[in-house]
Amino acid sequence: MEWEALPADLRERLDGELRQSRVLPAVQLLLAAGSYARTEAHDLIIERFHELYPPRPPAVPTLLRSARSLRDPIAAIEARWDADGRGWHVALVAIVERPGPSHERYSESRLGTFRHGGDLRLFGGLVPAWPESAEATMAGQAVARQLDVPFHFTHPSSPDTDLPRWWDTH
């Protein structure tokens, strides 16, 4: 199925959902509009979402500038899984020496987010490759090298928010 083959009014409604990052409701709208298989509808919506909003991981120079602008001393660079209404993503953070809500000595400052689609990738028994994990690892290692601090990513191969943090090991 091609995007242009859909009725114009349906394309407008779907784009309206996608402009609000409402991917799952767009898939549901497409499913309700015709005899589309779930996988086909999902693939078309994800393809269209990426046409509208191509994934662009943060560039290392931008991440490095953000890290260097922090006032507190940086102890480490950490990549960690996180989730929101659109699904799993990898947050790249600077662990700074400042008491925070999760640790008495350290806190974090977010440097960037790496995301490729949402959790719809998990439908149909597909196992995602998690490219955001590889991108965050490469970028995080580069930033950590430039700052001469360690890099930490507990479990890059699969999402989980209940993993040990860098400060749990120090």
Protein backbone atom coordinates (compact mmCIF):
# COMPACT_ATOMS: atom_id res chain seq x y z
CA MET A 1 0.00 0.00 0.00
CA GLU A 2 1.30 3.45 -0.91
CA TRP A 3 0.64 6.64 1.05
CA GLU A 4 -0.60 8.46 -2.07
CA ALA A 5 -3.19 5.70 -2.71
CA LEU A 6 -5.04 6.65 0.49
CA PRO A 7 -7.93 9.12 0.24
CA ALA A 8 -6.79 12.73 0.71
CA ASP A 9 -9.04 13.35 3.74
CA LEU A 10 -7.67 10.24 5.47
CA ARG A 11 -4.08 11.32 4.75
CA GLU A 12 -4.83 14.70 6.31
CA ARG A 13 -6.31 13.12 9.44
CA LEU A 14 -3.38 10.71 9.75
CA ASP A 15 -0.85 13.52 9.31
CA GLY A 16 -2.73 15.47 12.00
CA GLU A 17 -2.24 12.59 14.43
CA LEU A 18 1.43 12.21 13.47
CA ARG A 19 2.12 15.94 13.88
CA GLN A 20 1.10 15.42 17.50
CA SER A 21 3.37 12.33 17.77
CA ARG A 22 0.27 10.15 18.14
CA VAL A 23 1.52 7.13 16.23
CA LEU A 24 -0.67 4.45 17.79
CA PRO A 25 -3.91 6.45 17.26
CA ALA A 26 -2.85 6.96 13.62
CA VAL A 27 -2.44 3.20 13.18
CA GLN A 28 -5.85 2.65 14.79
CA LEU A 29 -7.41 5.27 12.50
CA LEU A 30 -5.93 3.58 9.43
CA LEU A 31 -7.13 0.17 10.60
CA ALA A 32 -10.65 1.53 11.16
CA ALA A 33 -10.68 3.13 7.70
CA GLY A 34 -10.28 0.01 5.63
CA SER A 35 -9.24 -3.55 5.24
CA TYR A 36 -5.59 -3.11 6.11
CA ALA A 37 -3.62 -5.74 7.97
CA ARG A 38 -2.15 -4.53 11.26
CA THR A 39 1.43 -5.01 10.08
CA GLU A 40 0.76 -3.20 6.82
CA ALA A 41 -0.94 -0.29 8.62
CA HIS A 42 1.86 -0.10 11.17
CA ASP A 43 4.58 -0.09 8.51
CA LEU A 44 2.86 2.61 6.48
CA ILE A 45 2.35 4.86 9.50
CA ILE A 46 5.95 4.45 10.69
CA GLU A 47 7.23 5.15 7.19
CA ARG A 48 5.10 8.30 7.01
CA PHE A 49 6.15 9.40 10.50
CA HIS A 50 9.80 9.11 9.47
CA GLU A 51 9.07 11.08 6.29
CA LEU A 52 7.62 13.87 8.42
CA TYR A 53 10.18 13.60 11.23
CA PRO A 54 13.35 11.79 10.15
CA PRO A 55 15.26 10.40 13.14
CA ARG A 56 18.24 12.62 13.77
CA PRO A 57 20.48 11.59 16.60
CA PRO A 58 22.23 14.41 18.42
CA ALA A 59 25.67 15.16 17.01
CA VAL A 60 28.75 14.64 19.19
CA PRO A 61 29.83 18.33 19.01
CA THR A 62 26.39 19.39 20.24
CA LEU A 63 26.46 16.85 23.07
CA LEU A 64 29.98 17.93 24.01
CA ARG A 65 28.98 21.62 24.09
CA SER A 66 26.05 20.75 26.35
CA ALA A 67 28.30 18.77 28.68
CA ARG A 68 30.94 21.50 28.84
CA SER A 69 28.30 24.09 29.70
CA LEU A 70 27.42 22.30 32.95
CA ARG A 71 28.52 24.02 36.15
CA ASP A 72 28.98 20.90 38.26
CA PRO A 73 31.97 18.58 37.77
CA ILE A 74 31.20 15.64 35.46
CA ALA A 75 31.96 12.23 36.95
CA ALA A 76 30.80 10.08 34.02
CA ILE A 77 28.75 9.95 30.85
CA GLU A 78 25.92 7.44 30.97
CA ALA A 79 23.45 6.07 28.46
CA ARG A 80 20.29 4.69 30.00
CA TRP A 81 16.98 3.37 28.75
CA ASP A 82 13.91 5.49 29.30
CA ALA A 83 10.32 5.39 28.08
CA ASP A 84 7.53 7.83 27.43
CA GLY A 85 4.20 7.87 25.60
CA ARG A 86 5.92 7.18 22.28
CA GLY A 87 8.00 4.26 23.51
CA TRP A 88 11.56 3.35 24.40
CA HIS A 89 14.51 5.63 23.82
CA VAL A 90 18.04 6.06 25.14
CA ALA A 91 18.87 9.10 27.23
CA LEU A 92 22.48 10.24 27.20
CA VAL A 93 23.27 12.00 30.47
CA ALA A 94 26.19 13.56 32.25
CA ILE A 95 26.52 12.25 35.80
CA VAL A 96 27.47 15.32 37.82
CA GLU A 97 28.80 15.72 41.33
CA ARG A 98 25.75 17.25 42.95
CA PRO A 99 23.26 15.61 45.33
CA GLY A 100 20.18 14.52 43.45
CA PRO A 101 16.83 12.82 43.97
CA SER A 102 18.23 9.33 43.27
CA HIS A 103 21.63 9.56 44.96
CA GLU A 104 23.09 11.55 47.85
CA ARG A 105 26.25 12.52 45.94
CA TYR A 106 25.35 12.46 42.22
CA SER A 107 22.71 13.78 39.89
CA GLU A 108 22.28 13.76 36.13
CA SER A 109 21.92 16.33 33.38
CA ARG A 110 20.40 15.14 30.12
CA LEU A 111 22.57 15.80 27.10
CA GLY A 112 20.42 14.22 24.39
CA THR A 113 17.88 11.58 23.42
CA PHE A 114 18.26 8.82 20.86
CA ARG A 115 15.02 7.43 19.42
CA HIS A 116 14.04 5.41 16.36
CA GLY A 117 10.30 4.97 16.19
CA GLY A 118 8.16 3.86 19.07
CA ASP A 119 7.06 0.65 20.67
CA LEU A 120 4.98 -0.23 17.62
CA ARG A 121 8.18 -1.92 16.42
CA LEU A 122 7.46 -4.64 18.95
CA PHE A 123 4.12 -5.67 17.39
CA GLY A 124 3.94 -8.76 15.27
CA GLY A 125 6.75 -10.54 17.12
CA LEU A 126 9.43 -8.40 15.49
CA VAL A 127 12.63 -8.04 17.48
CA PRO A 128 13.99 -4.53 17.01
CA ALA A 129 17.65 -3.95 16.45
CA TRP A 130 17.56 -0.91 18.77
CA PRO A 131 19.74 1.35 16.58
CA GLU A 132 19.33 4.12 19.15
CA SER A 133 21.37 2.01 21.56
CA ALA A 134 24.31 1.74 19.16
CA GLU A 135 24.16 5.46 18.31
CA ALA A 136 24.01 6.49 21.97
CA THR A 137 26.92 4.17 22.80
CA MET A 138 29.12 5.58 20.04
CA ALA A 139 28.25 9.19 20.87
CA GLY A 140 28.55 8.64 24.63
CA GLN A 141 31.96 7.02 24.29
CA ALA A 142 33.17 9.91 22.11
CA VAL A 143 31.94 12.53 24.60
CA ALA A 144 33.41 10.61 27.55
CA ARG A 145 36.81 10.36 25.79
CA GLN A 146 36.83 14.12 25.13
CA LEU A 147 35.98 14.83 28.79
CA ASP A 148 38.32 12.13 30.12
CA VAL A 149 35.59 10.48 32.19
CA PRO A 150 34.19 6.94 32.11
CA PHE A 151 31.26 5.90 29.91
CA HIS A 152 28.55 3.60 31.30
CA PHE A 153 25.62 1.76 29.70
CA THR A 154 24.40 -1.13 31.82
CA HIS A 155 22.45 -3.10 29.23
CA PRO A 156 22.47 -1.71 25.69
CA SER A 157 20.92 -4.77 24.05
CA SER A 158 17.41 -4.50 25.48
CA PRO A 159 15.32 -1.80 27.17
CA ASP A 160 14.85 -1.82 30.92
CA THR A 161 14.53 1.06 33.37
CA ASP A 162 15.38 -0.98 36.48
CA LEU A 163 19.09 -1.38 35.77
CA PRO A 164 22.06 -0.35 37.91
CA ARG A 165 23.21 3.20 37.31
CA TRP A 166 26.83 4.35 37.15
CA TRP A 167 26.62 5.68 40.71
CA ASP A 168 25.53 2.22 41.91
CA THR A 169 28.97 0.93 40.94
CA HIS A 170 30.97 3.77 42.54
